C-alpha atoms as a PDB file:
ATOM      1  CA  MET A   1     -44.530 -36.209  -3.663  1.00  0.00           C
ATOM      2  CA  ALA A   2     -42.018 -35.058  -6.280  1.00  0.00           C
ATOM      3  CA  GLY A   3     -39.875 -37.374  -8.401  1.00  0.00           C
ATOM      4  CA  PRO A   4     -37.230 -37.008 -11.074  1.00  0.00           C
ATOM      5  CA  ASP A   5     -39.650 -36.766 -13.958  1.00  0.00           C
ATOM      6  CA  LYS A   6     -43.031 -35.793 -12.504  1.00  0.00           C
ATOM      7  CA  ASN A   7     -44.790 -34.242  -9.506  1.00  0.00           C
ATOM      8  CA  GLN A   8     -47.472 -36.153  -7.649  1.00  0.00           C
ATOM      9  CA  SER A   9     -49.534 -35.573  -4.525  1.00  0.00           C
ATOM     10  CA  PHE A  10     -50.805 -38.227  -2.109  1.00  0.00           C
ATOM     11  CA  LEU A  11     -52.896 -38.159   1.036  1.00  0.00           C
ATOM     12  CA  LEU A  12     -51.101 -39.383   4.157  1.00  0.00           C
ATOM     13  CA  LYS A  13     -52.774 -41.656   6.645  1.00  0.00           C
ATOM     14  CA  ASP A  14     -53.594 -40.289  10.078  1.00  0.00           C
ATOM     15  CA  ASP A  15     -50.980 -42.454  11.799  1.00  0.00           C
ATOM     16  CA  CYS A  16     -48.412 -44.207   9.617  1.00  0.00           C
ATOM     17  CA  THR A  17     -47.814 -44.204   5.848  1.00  0.00           C
ATOM     18  CA  TYR A  18     -45.398 -46.644   4.175  1.00  0.00           C
ATOM     19  CA  VAL A  19     -43.398 -45.530   1.122  1.00  0.00           C
ATOM     20  CA  GLY A  20     -41.425 -47.730  -1.279  1.00  0.00           C
ATOM     21  CA  ARG A  21     -41.163 -49.389  -4.664  1.00  0.00           C
ATOM     22  CA  SER A  22     -43.467 -52.308  -3.881  1.00  0.00           C
ATOM     23  CA  PRO A  23     -47.171 -51.961  -4.730  1.00  0.00           C
ATOM     24  CA  GLN A  24     -47.952 -53.183  -1.189  1.00  0.00           C
ATOM     25  CA  ASN A  25     -46.925 -49.748   0.176  1.00  0.00           C
ATOM     26  CA  ASP A  26     -49.413 -46.985   0.885  1.00  0.00           C
ATOM     27  CA  ILE A  27     -47.414 -44.820  -1.541  1.00  0.00           C
ATOM     28  CA  ARG A  28     -45.552 -46.503  -4.373  1.00  0.00           C
ATOM     29  CA  VAL A  29     -42.473 -44.794  -5.860  1.00  0.00           C
ATOM     30  CA  ASN A  30     -41.529 -46.122  -9.294  1.00  0.00           C
ATOM     31  CA  ASP A  31     -37.780 -45.672  -8.795  1.00  0.00           C
ATOM     32  CA  THR A  32     -35.344 -48.594  -9.046  1.00  0.00           C
ATOM     33  CA  ALA A  33     -33.029 -46.945  -6.483  1.00  0.00           C
ATOM     34  CA  VAL A  34     -35.828 -46.986  -3.881  1.00  0.00           C
ATOM     35  CA  SER A  35     -36.180 -50.107  -1.715  1.00  0.00           C
ATOM     36  CA  HIS A  36     -39.322 -52.263  -1.744  1.00  0.00           C
ATOM     37  CA  THR A  37     -40.368 -50.748   1.594  1.00  0.00           C
ATOM     38  CA  HIS A  38     -38.070 -47.756   1.965  1.00  0.00           C
ATOM     39  CA  LEU A  39     -39.443 -45.653   4.813  1.00  0.00           C
ATOM     40  CA  ARG A  40     -42.516 -44.743   6.762  1.00  0.00           C
ATOM     41  CA  ILE A  41     -43.986 -41.339   7.528  1.00  0.00           C
ATOM     42  CA  ILE A  42     -45.406 -41.048  11.023  1.00  0.00           C
ATOM     43  CA  ARG A  43     -48.024 -38.389  11.598  1.00  0.00           C
ATOM     44  CA  ARG A  44     -48.785 -37.100  15.071  1.00  0.00           C
ATOM     45  CA  ALA A  45     -51.315 -34.263  14.990  1.00  0.00           C
ATOM     46  CA  ASN A  46     -49.554 -31.642  12.827  1.00  0.00           C
ATOM     47  CA  ARG A  47     -46.067 -33.091  13.282  1.00  0.00           C
ATOM     48  CA  PHE A  48     -44.311 -35.395  10.823  1.00  0.00           C
ATOM     49  CA  PHE A  49     -41.524 -37.927  11.381  1.00  0.00           C
ATOM     50  CA  ILE A  50     -39.516 -39.864   8.770  1.00  0.00           C
ATOM     51  CA  GLU A  51     -38.142 -43.320   9.633  1.00  0.00           C
ATOM     52  CA  ASP A  52     -35.845 -45.197   7.265  1.00  0.00           C
ATOM     53  CA  LEU A  53     -36.638 -48.939   7.281  1.00  0.00           C
ATOM     54  CA  GLY A  54     -33.158 -50.232   6.495  1.00  0.00           C
ATOM     55  CA  SER A  55     -33.245 -49.206   2.839  1.00  0.00           C
ATOM     56  CA  ALA A  56     -30.372 -50.187   0.553  1.00  0.00           C
ATOM     57  CA  ASN A  57     -29.529 -46.656  -0.614  1.00  0.00           C
ATOM     58  CA  GLY A  58     -30.584 -44.689   2.443  1.00  0.00           C
ATOM     59  CA  THR A  59     -32.726 -41.657   3.162  1.00  0.00           C
ATOM     60  CA  PHE A  60     -31.366 -38.105   3.181  1.00  0.00           C
ATOM     61  CA  VAL A  61     -32.828 -35.201   5.148  1.00  0.00           C
ATOM     62  CA  GLY A  62     -30.832 -32.095   4.360  1.00  0.00           C
ATOM     63  CA  PRO A  63     -27.299 -33.153   3.478  1.00  0.00           C
ATOM     64  CA  GLU A  64     -27.230 -35.968   6.026  1.00  0.00           C
ATOM     65  CA  LYS A  65     -28.125 -39.623   5.701  1.00  0.00           C
ATOM     66  CA  ILE A  66     -30.426 -40.657   8.556  1.00  0.00           C
ATOM     67  CA  GLY A  67     -29.919 -43.931  10.369  1.00  0.00           C
ATOM     68  CA  PRO A  68     -32.501 -46.699  10.026  1.00  0.00           C
ATOM     69  CA  GLY A  69     -34.988 -47.263  12.794  1.00  0.00           C
ATOM     70  CA  PHE A  70     -35.033 -43.722  14.165  1.00  0.00           C
ATOM     71  CA  GLY A  71     -37.853 -41.244  13.607  1.00  0.00           C
ATOM     72  CA  VAL A  72     -36.543 -37.856  12.465  1.00  0.00           C
ATOM     73  CA  GLU A  73     -38.939 -34.926  12.696  1.00  0.00           C
ATOM     74  CA  ILE A  74     -39.235 -32.822   9.556  1.00  0.00           C
ATOM     75  CA  ASP A  75     -40.948 -29.535   8.841  1.00  0.00           C
ATOM     76  CA  GLU A  76     -43.536 -29.021   6.130  1.00  0.00           C
ATOM     77  CA  GLY A  77     -41.828 -28.748   2.749  1.00  0.00           C
ATOM     78  CA  THR A  78     -38.476 -30.208   3.891  1.00  0.00           C
ATOM     79  CA  PRO A  79     -36.917 -32.072   0.908  1.00  0.00           C
ATOM     80  CA  VAL A  80     -36.279 -35.763   1.613  1.00  0.00           C
ATOM     81  CA  VAL A  81     -34.204 -37.673  -0.953  1.00  0.00           C
ATOM     82  CA  ILE A  82     -34.832 -41.372  -1.564  1.00  0.00           C
ATOM     83  CA  GLY A  83     -33.123 -42.960  -4.535  1.00  0.00           C
ATOM     84  CA  MET A  84     -33.577 -40.607  -7.491  1.00  0.00           C
ATOM     85  CA  SER A  85     -36.743 -39.069  -6.052  1.00  0.00           C
ATOM     86  CA  VAL A  86     -37.509 -36.216  -3.695  1.00  0.00           C
ATOM     87  CA  ILE A  87     -40.492 -36.252  -1.340  1.00  0.00           C
ATOM     88  CA  CYS A  88     -41.892 -33.813   1.181  1.00  0.00           C
ATOM     89  CA  VAL A  89     -44.938 -33.620   3.442  1.00  0.00           C
ATOM     90  CA  GLY A  90     -47.551 -31.027   4.298  1.00  0.00           C
ATOM     91  CA  SER A  91     -50.434 -29.242   2.605  1.00  0.00           C
ATOM     92  CA  ARG A  92     -48.067 -26.781   0.888  1.00  0.00           C
ATOM     93  CA  CYS A  93     -45.554 -29.477  -0.075  1.00  0.00           C
ATOM     94  CA  LEU A  94     -45.327 -28.856  -3.817  1.00  0.00           C
ATOM     95  CA  GLU A  95     -45.439 -25.088  -3.409  1.00  0.00           C
ATOM     96  CA  LEU A  96     -42.520 -25.148  -0.951  1.00  0.00           C
ATOM     97  CA  LEU A  97     -40.573 -27.849  -2.773  1.00  0.00           C
ATOM     98  CA  SER A  98     -40.695 -26.391  -6.291  1.00  0.00           C
ATOM     99  CA  PRO A  99     -38.003 -23.695  -5.729  1.00  0.00           C
ATOM    100  CA  PHE A 100     -35.688 -26.348  -4.324  1.00  0.00           C
ATOM    101  CA  LEU A 101     -36.264 -28.657  -7.292  1.00  0.00           C
ATOM    102  CA  GLU A 102     -35.558 -25.783  -9.659  1.00  0.00           C
ATOM    103  CA  SER A 103     -32.386 -24.844  -7.765  1.00  0.00           C
ATOM    104  CA  ILE A 104     -30.876 -28.306  -8.208  1.00  0.00           C
ATOM    105  CA  GLY A 105     -32.280 -28.857 -11.687  1.00  0.00           C
ATOM    106  CA  LEU A 106     -34.113 -31.980 -10.584  1.00  0.00           C
ATOM    107  CA  SER A 107     -37.438 -30.875 -11.993  1.00  0.00           C
ATOM    108  CA  ASN A 108     -36.277 -30.672 -15.594  1.00  0.00           C
ATOM    109  CA  GLU A 109     -32.720 -32.009 -15.905  1.00  0.00           C
ATOM    110  CA  ILE A 110     -32.013 -34.904 -13.551  1.00  0.00           C
ATOM    111  CA  ARG A 111     -34.137 -37.596 -15.130  1.00  0.00           C
ATOM    112  CA  GLU A 112     -33.453 -40.679 -17.171  1.00  0.00           C
ATOM    113  CA  ASP A 113     -33.707 -38.966 -20.564  1.00  0.00           C
ATOM    114  CA  SER A 114     -31.432 -36.063 -19.584  1.00  0.00           C
ATOM    115  CA  GLY A 115     -27.886 -35.502 -20.770  1.00  0.00           C
ATOM    116  CA  VAL A 116     -26.538 -36.093 -17.274  1.00  0.00           C
ATOM    117  CA  PHE A 117     -28.001 -39.578 -16.996  1.00  0.00           C
ATOM    118  CA  LYS A 118     -27.080 -40.494 -20.557  1.00  0.00           C
ATOM    119  CA  GLN A 119     -23.481 -39.552 -19.962  1.00  0.00           C
ATOM    120  CA  HIS A 120     -23.390 -41.194 -16.554  1.00  0.00           C
ATOM    121  CA  LYS A 121     -25.011 -44.489 -17.405  1.00  0.00           C
ATOM    122  CA  THR A 122     -21.896 -46.354 -16.187  1.00  0.00           C
ATOM    123  CA  MET A 123     -22.102 -44.687 -12.768  1.00  0.00           C
ATOM    124  CA  ALA A 124     -24.610 -45.185  -9.982  1.00  0.00           C
ATOM    125  CA  THR A 125     -27.173 -42.532 -10.913  1.00  0.00           C
ATOM    126  CA  GLN A 126     -28.503 -42.502  -7.383  1.00  0.00           C
ATOM    127  CA  LYS A 127     -25.073 -41.433  -6.107  1.00  0.00           C
ATOM    128  CA  ILE A 128     -25.042 -38.618  -8.645  1.00  0.00           C
ATOM    129  CA  VAL A 129     -28.415 -37.352  -7.453  1.00  0.00           C
ATOM    130  CA  GLU A 130     -27.225 -37.543  -3.840  1.00  0.00           C
ATOM    131  CA  PHE A 131     -24.117 -35.563  -4.758  1.00  0.00           C
ATOM    132  CA  VAL A 132     -26.043 -32.894  -6.682  1.00  0.00           C
ATOM    133  CA  TYR A 133     -28.544 -32.664  -3.824  1.00  0.00           C
ATOM    134  CA  LYS A 134     -25.848 -32.297  -1.148  1.00  0.00           C
ATOM    135  CA  VAL A 135     -23.935 -29.648  -3.095  1.00  0.00           C
ATOM    136  CA  SER A 136     -27.121 -27.722  -3.884  1.00  0.00           C
ATOM    137  CA  TYR A 137     -28.075 -27.798  -0.208  1.00  0.00           C
ATOM    138  CA  ARG A 138     -24.677 -26.412   0.756  1.00  0.00           C
ATOM    139  CA  LEU A 139     -24.915 -23.687  -1.890  1.00  0.00           C
ATOM    140  CA  THR A 140     -28.232 -22.452  -0.504  1.00  0.00           C
ATOM    141  CA  GLU A 141     -27.211 -22.385   3.171  1.00  0.00           C
ATOM    142  CA  GLU A 142     -27.201 -18.961   4.808  1.00  0.00           C
ATOM    143  CA  VAL A 143     -23.570 -19.062   5.932  1.00  0.00           C
ATOM    144  CA  HIS A 144     -20.432 -17.064   5.182  1.00  0.00           C
ATOM    145  CA  VAL A 145     -19.254 -17.642   1.630  1.00  0.00           C
ATOM    146  CA  ASN A 146     -15.955 -19.183   2.840  1.00  0.00           C
ATOM    147  CA  VAL A 147     -17.884 -21.717   4.916  1.00  0.00           C
ATOM    148  CA  MET A 148     -20.219 -22.448   2.006  1.00  0.00           C
ATOM    149  CA  LEU A 149     -17.345 -23.119  -0.397  1.00  0.00           C
ATOM    150  CA  GLY A 150     -15.540 -25.250   2.172  1.00  0.00           C
ATOM    151  CA  ASN A 151     -18.681 -27.333   2.640  1.00  0.00           C
ATOM    152  CA  VAL A 152     -18.956 -27.799  -1.140  1.00  0.00           C
ATOM    153  CA  LEU A 153     -15.352 -29.016  -1.241  1.00  0.00           C
ATOM    154  CA  ASP A 154     -16.165 -31.492   1.531  1.00  0.00           C
ATOM    155  CA  CYS A 155     -18.977 -32.884  -0.639  1.00  0.00           C
ATOM    156  CA  ILE A 156     -16.590 -33.175  -3.583  1.00  0.00           C
ATOM    157  CA  PHE A 157     -14.046 -35.079  -1.487  1.00  0.00           C
ATOM    158  CA  ASP A 158     -16.755 -37.490  -0.348  1.00  0.00           C
ATOM    159  CA  PHE A 159     -17.802 -38.080  -3.954  1.00  0.00           C
ATOM    160  CA  LEU A 160     -14.383 -38.304  -5.638  1.00  0.00           C
ATOM    161  CA  ILE A 161     -12.464 -40.647  -3.363  1.00  0.00           C
ATOM    162  CA  ASN A 162      -9.246 -40.588  -5.438  1.00  0.00           C
ATOM    163  CA  ILE A 163      -8.478 -36.869  -5.243  1.00  0.00           C
ATOM    164  CA  ASP A 164      -5.697 -35.492  -3.045  1.00  0.00           C
ATOM    165  CA  ARG A 165      -6.337 -31.764  -3.384  1.00  0.00           C
ATOM    166  CA  GLY A 166      -9.258 -29.518  -4.181  1.00  0.00           C
ATOM    167  CA  PHE A 167      -9.592 -25.775  -4.774  1.00  0.00           C
ATOM    168  CA  ILE A 168     -12.487 -23.431  -5.422  1.00  0.00           C
ATOM    169  CA  ILE A 169     -11.181 -20.224  -6.946  1.00  0.00           C
ATOM    170  CA  ILE A 170     -13.386 -17.113  -7.030  1.00  0.00           C
ATOM    171  CA  MET A 171     -12.543 -14.228  -9.336  1.00  0.00           C
ATOM    172  CA  ASP A 172     -13.200 -10.536  -8.858  1.00  0.00           C
ATOM    173  CA  SER A 173     -16.006  -9.605 -11.259  1.00  0.00           C
ATOM    174  CA  GLN A 174     -14.417  -6.208 -11.978  1.00  0.00           C
ATOM    175  CA  THR A 175     -10.700  -6.969 -12.304  1.00  0.00           C
ATOM    176  CA  GLY A 176     -10.766 -10.668 -13.218  1.00  0.00           C
ATOM    177  CA  GLU A 177      -8.120 -11.357 -10.585  1.00  0.00           C
ATOM    178  CA  PHE A 178      -8.364 -14.137  -8.025  1.00  0.00           C
ATOM    179  CA  ARG A 179     -10.318 -12.937  -5.023  1.00  0.00           C
ATOM    180  CA  LYS A 180     -10.717 -16.116  -2.959  1.00  0.00           C
ATOM    181  CA  VAL A 181      -9.012 -19.486  -2.990  1.00  0.00           C
ATOM    182  CA  ILE A 182     -10.589 -22.113  -0.736  1.00  0.00           C
ATOM    183  CA  SER A 183      -8.651 -25.381  -0.485  1.00  0.00           C
ATOM    184  CA  ARG A 184      -8.953 -28.885   0.940  1.00  0.00           C
ATOM    185  CA  PHE A 185      -6.357 -31.663   1.184  1.00  0.00           C
ATOM    186  CA  ARG A 186      -7.046 -35.349   1.677  1.00  0.00           C
ATOM    187  CA  GLU A 187      -4.028 -35.816   3.935  1.00  0.00           C
ATOM    188  CA  PRO A 188      -2.278 -32.521   4.752  1.00  0.00           C
ATOM    189  CA  SER A 189       1.486 -32.878   4.750  1.00  0.00           C
ATOM    190  CA  LYS A 190       4.459 -30.542   4.650  1.00  0.00           C
ATOM    191  CA  ASP A 191       5.690 -32.510   1.627  1.00  0.00           C
ATOM    192  CA  LEU A 192       2.424 -32.019  -0.291  1.00  0.00           C
ATOM    193  CA  PRO A 193       2.392 -29.245  -2.924  1.00  0.00           C
ATOM    194  CA  THR A 194      -0.064 -26.628  -1.673  1.00  0.00           C
ATOM    195  CA  GLY A 195      -0.870 -24.778  -4.885  1.00  0.00           C
ATOM    196  CA  PHE A 196      -2.936 -25.570  -7.952  1.00  0.00           C
ATOM    197  CA  ASN A 197      -1.359 -25.771 -11.385  1.00  0.00           C
ATOM    198  CA  LYS A 198      -1.595 -22.266 -12.827  1.00  0.00           C
ATOM    199  CA  ASP A 199      -1.151 -23.425 -16.425  1.00  0.00           C
ATOM    200  CA  VAL A 200      -4.279 -25.595 -16.142  1.00  0.00           C
ATOM    201  CA  VAL A 201      -6.260 -22.745 -14.584  1.00  0.00           C
ATOM    202  CA  GLU A 202      -5.167 -20.318 -17.284  1.00  0.00           C
ATOM    203  CA  ARG A 203      -6.123 -22.852 -19.975  1.00  0.00           C
ATOM    204  CA  VAL A 204      -9.660 -23.191 -18.578  1.00  0.00           C
ATOM    205  CA  MET A 205     -10.075 -19.418 -18.250  1.00  0.00           C
ATOM    206  CA  LEU A 206      -8.846 -18.870 -21.811  1.00  0.00           C
ATOM    207  CA  GLU A 207     -10.847 -21.633 -23.477  1.00  0.00           C
ATOM    208  CA  LYS A 208     -13.893 -21.245 -21.169  1.00  0.00           C
ATOM    209  CA  GLN A 209     -14.360 -24.992 -20.916  1.00  0.00           C
ATOM    210  CA  GLY A 210     -13.340 -27.818 -18.622  1.00  0.00           C
ATOM    211  CA  PHE A 211      -9.947 -29.501 -18.733  1.00  0.00           C
ATOM    212  CA  LEU A 212      -9.170 -33.166 -18.051  1.00  0.00           C
ATOM    213  CA  TYR A 213      -5.761 -34.845 -17.797  1.00  0.00           C
ATOM    214  CA  PRO A 214      -5.078 -37.488 -18.835  1.00  0.00           C
ATOM    215  CA  ASP A 215      -8.000 -37.367 -21.244  1.00  0.00           C
ATOM    216  CA  PRO A 216      -8.941 -40.907 -22.359  1.00  0.00           C
ATOM    217  CA  ASP A 217     -10.386 -39.476 -25.577  1.00  0.00           C
ATOM    218  CA  VAL A 218      -7.128 -37.759 -26.596  1.00  0.00           C
ATOM    219  CA  GLU A 219      -4.239 -39.778 -27.962  1.00  0.00           C
ATOM    220  CA  GLY A 220      -0.613 -38.765 -27.445  1.00  0.00           C
ATOM    221  CA  PRO A 221       0.958 -36.186 -25.102  1.00  0.00           C
ATOM    222  CA  THR A 222      -0.595 -32.774 -24.443  1.00  0.00           C
ATOM    223  CA  ASP A 223       1.258 -29.471 -24.295  1.00  0.00           C
ATOM    224  CA  LEU A 224       0.735 -29.373 -20.511  1.00  0.00           C
ATOM    225  CA  GLU A 225       2.028 -32.862 -19.823  1.00  0.00           C
ATOM    226  CA  GLU A 226       5.568 -31.763 -18.923  1.00  0.00           C
ATOM    227  CA  THR A 227       4.488 -29.065 -16.455  1.00  0.00           C
ATOM    228  CA  LEU A 228       2.019 -31.464 -14.826  1.00  0.00           C
ATOM    229  CA  ARG A 229       4.708 -34.110 -14.492  1.00  0.00           C
ATOM    230  CA  LEU A 230       7.116 -31.609 -12.936  1.00  0.00           C
ATOM    231  CA  THR A 231       4.497 -30.614 -10.360  1.00  0.00           C
ATOM    232  CA  GLN A 232       3.896 -34.285  -9.500  1.00  0.00           C
ATOM    233  CA  ILE A 233       0.302 -34.304 -10.735  1.00  0.00           C
ATOM    234  CA  GLY A 234      -0.965 -37.690 -11.896  1.00  0.00           C
ATOM    235  CA  SER A 235      -4.385 -36.482 -13.001  1.00  0.00           C
ATOM    236  CA  VAL A 236      -6.335 -33.236 -12.834  1.00  0.00           C
ATOM    237  CA  MET A 237      -9.788 -31.869 -13.602  1.00  0.00           C
ATOM    238  CA  CYS A 238     -10.705 -28.200 -13.729  1.00  0.00           C
ATOM    239  CA  VAL A 239     -14.037 -26.622 -14.732  1.00  0.00           C
ATOM    240  CA  PRO A 240     -15.286 -23.027 -14.868  1.00  0.00           C
ATOM    241  CA  ILE A 241     -17.877 -21.624 -12.484  1.00  0.00           C
ATOM    242  CA  VAL A 242     -20.234 -19.696 -14.755  1.00  0.00           C
ATOM    243  CA  SER A 243     -22.874 -17.054 -14.046  1.00  0.00           C
ATOM    244  CA  SER A 244     -24.630 -14.952 -16.700  1.00  0.00           C
ATOM    245  CA  SER A 245     -22.353 -16.539 -19.336  1.00  0.00           C
ATOM    246  CA  LYS A 246     -19.266 -15.185 -17.569  1.00  0.00           C
ATOM    247  CA  ILE A 247     -16.594 -17.118 -15.677  1.00  0.00           C
ATOM    248  CA  ARG A 248     -16.828 -16.266 -11.980  1.00  0.00           C
ATOM    249  CA  GLY A 249     -14.340 -18.842 -10.774  1.00  0.00           C
ATOM    250  CA  LEU A 250     -13.103 -22.402 -11.107  1.00  0.00           C
ATOM    251  CA  ILE A 251     -13.348 -25.788  -9.443  1.00  0.00           C
ATOM    252  CA  TYR A 252      -9.979 -27.570  -9.503  1.00  0.00           C
ATOM    253  CA  VAL A 253      -9.240 -31.087  -8.218  1.00  0.00           C
ATOM    254  CA  ASP A 254      -6.241 -33.326  -8.741  1.00  0.00           C
ATOM    255  CA  SER A 255      -4.560 -36.535  -7.705  1.00  0.00           C
ATOM    256  CA  LEU A 256      -0.812 -36.669  -7.216  1.00  0.00           C
ATOM    257  CA  LYS A 257      -0.559 -40.440  -7.601  1.00  0.00           C
ATOM    258  CA  GLU A 258      -3.587 -41.651  -9.513  1.00  0.00           C
ATOM    259  CA  ALA A 259      -3.255 -41.642 -13.293  1.00  0.00           C
ATOM    260  CA  TYR A 260      -6.588 -41.494 -15.126  1.00  0.00           C
ATOM    261  CA  GLY A 261      -8.252 -40.526 -11.852  1.00  0.00           C
ATOM    262  CA  PHE A 262     -11.114 -38.814 -13.687  1.00  0.00           C
ATOM    263  CA  ARG A 263     -13.426 -39.799 -16.507  1.00  0.00           C
ATOM    264  CA  ARG A 264     -15.304 -37.918 -19.169  1.00  0.00           C
ATOM    265  CA  GLU A 265     -18.435 -38.573 -17.100  1.00  0.00           C
ATOM    266  CA  ASP A 266     -16.858 -36.690 -14.175  1.00  0.00           C
ATOM    267  CA  LEU A 267     -15.994 -33.751 -16.415  1.00  0.00           C
ATOM    268  CA  SER A 268     -19.596 -33.576 -17.669  1.00  0.00           C
ATOM    269  CA  LEU A 269     -21.019 -33.717 -14.148  1.00  0.00           C
ATOM    270  CA  PHE A 270     -18.658 -31.060 -12.786  1.00  0.00           C
ATOM    271  CA  THR A 271     -19.189 -28.785 -15.770  1.00  0.00           C
ATOM    272  CA  ASP A 272     -22.891 -28.914 -14.903  1.00  0.00           C
ATOM    273  CA  LEU A 273     -22.016 -28.293 -11.239  1.00  0.00           C
ATOM    274  CA  GLY A 274     -20.030 -25.190 -12.216  1.00  0.00           C
ATOM    275  CA  ARG A 275     -23.103 -23.789 -13.946  1.00  0.00           C
ATOM    276  CA  ARG A 276     -25.329 -24.547 -10.963  1.00  0.00           C
ATOM    277  CA  ALA A 277     -22.878 -22.981  -8.507  1.00  0.00           C
ATOM    278  CA  GLY A 278     -22.336 -19.732 -10.388  1.00  0.00           C
ATOM    279  CA  LEU A 279     -25.510 -17.860  -9.457  1.00  0.00           C
ATOM    280  CA  HIS A 280     -25.416 -19.010  -5.819  1.00  0.00           C
ATOM    281  CA  ILE A 281     -21.804 -17.900  -5.429  1.00  0.00           C
ATOM    282  CA  ASP A 282     -22.549 -14.564  -7.117  1.00  0.00           C
ATOM    283  CA  ASN A 283     -25.393 -13.964  -4.663  1.00  0.00           C
ATOM    284  CA  ALA A 284     -23.238 -14.946  -1.685  1.00  0.00           C
ATOM    285  CA  MET A 285     -20.434 -12.629  -2.785  1.00  0.00           C
ATOM    286  CA  TYR A 286     -22.889  -9.767  -3.321  1.00  0.00           C
ATOM    287  CA  PHE A 287     -24.280 -10.289   0.186  1.00  0.00           C
ATOM    288  CA  GLU A 288     -20.750 -10.385   1.639  1.00  0.00           C
ATOM    289  CA  ASP A 289     -19.865  -7.094  -0.104  1.00  0.00           C
ATOM    290  CA  SER A 290     -23.047  -5.435   1.152  1.00  0.00           C
ATOM    291  CA  GLN A 291     -22.067  -6.227   4.740  1.00  0.00           C
ATOM    292  CA  VAL A 292     -18.730  -4.416   4.461  1.00  0.00           C
END
């Protein structure tokens, strides 16, 4: 079993193994986001099934939350997220799980003494881990890059419920020009502006750091306030997608009605997301080019 700050291995029973925070379980997980009796692992010969027992925060297999009371078969090494912990089953569990933990930074970054948790102490840390896990899963899927980026935007819309529009912009590594623009809209409408604010995007590309408007830490108007007002943007957040210390693209989200729709905590989380996404997107683009 792997958790946010350590890796552990346990022997499963031949039939049914209970997992949860309570010491009465066969396997105890010291994680406050895990329920007292969270799930059970059913073993039938060499097959494994996970059954959520009505836990408060749910059980995730892949990017999906499984319903309570139903046994879901999983393969050896499949990551299962409960609270802020990740578990898997099988004799090669840790060997198969380690690359996944590294890919989402859970093995050395997402833990209580990390910068992410310190900066997100006012948010539900379990929701952050779920979000990072879902996005990381989508980034590692073997699908067309357009589908992958669209799936990532879907995860962002599920996480940030106040946004109206979202864009993932990919730049050409040779020319620096925009190569792909994948977009999502909360409620598509002919009256809804369909483009991102270019001044914000240019600011992020020039300064190579995220942009937040309105920024609660900055007093007084900003030089972009007038252009944002004219384009009917109430709040916006934009962060670079970085790979090998170079900007490969941007993640842009905004709300047309909500003022102060984003917090400094969101900017920190999405800046980290941009770093995580960079290498995966680079690899996907390289694979796409090789197929031409």
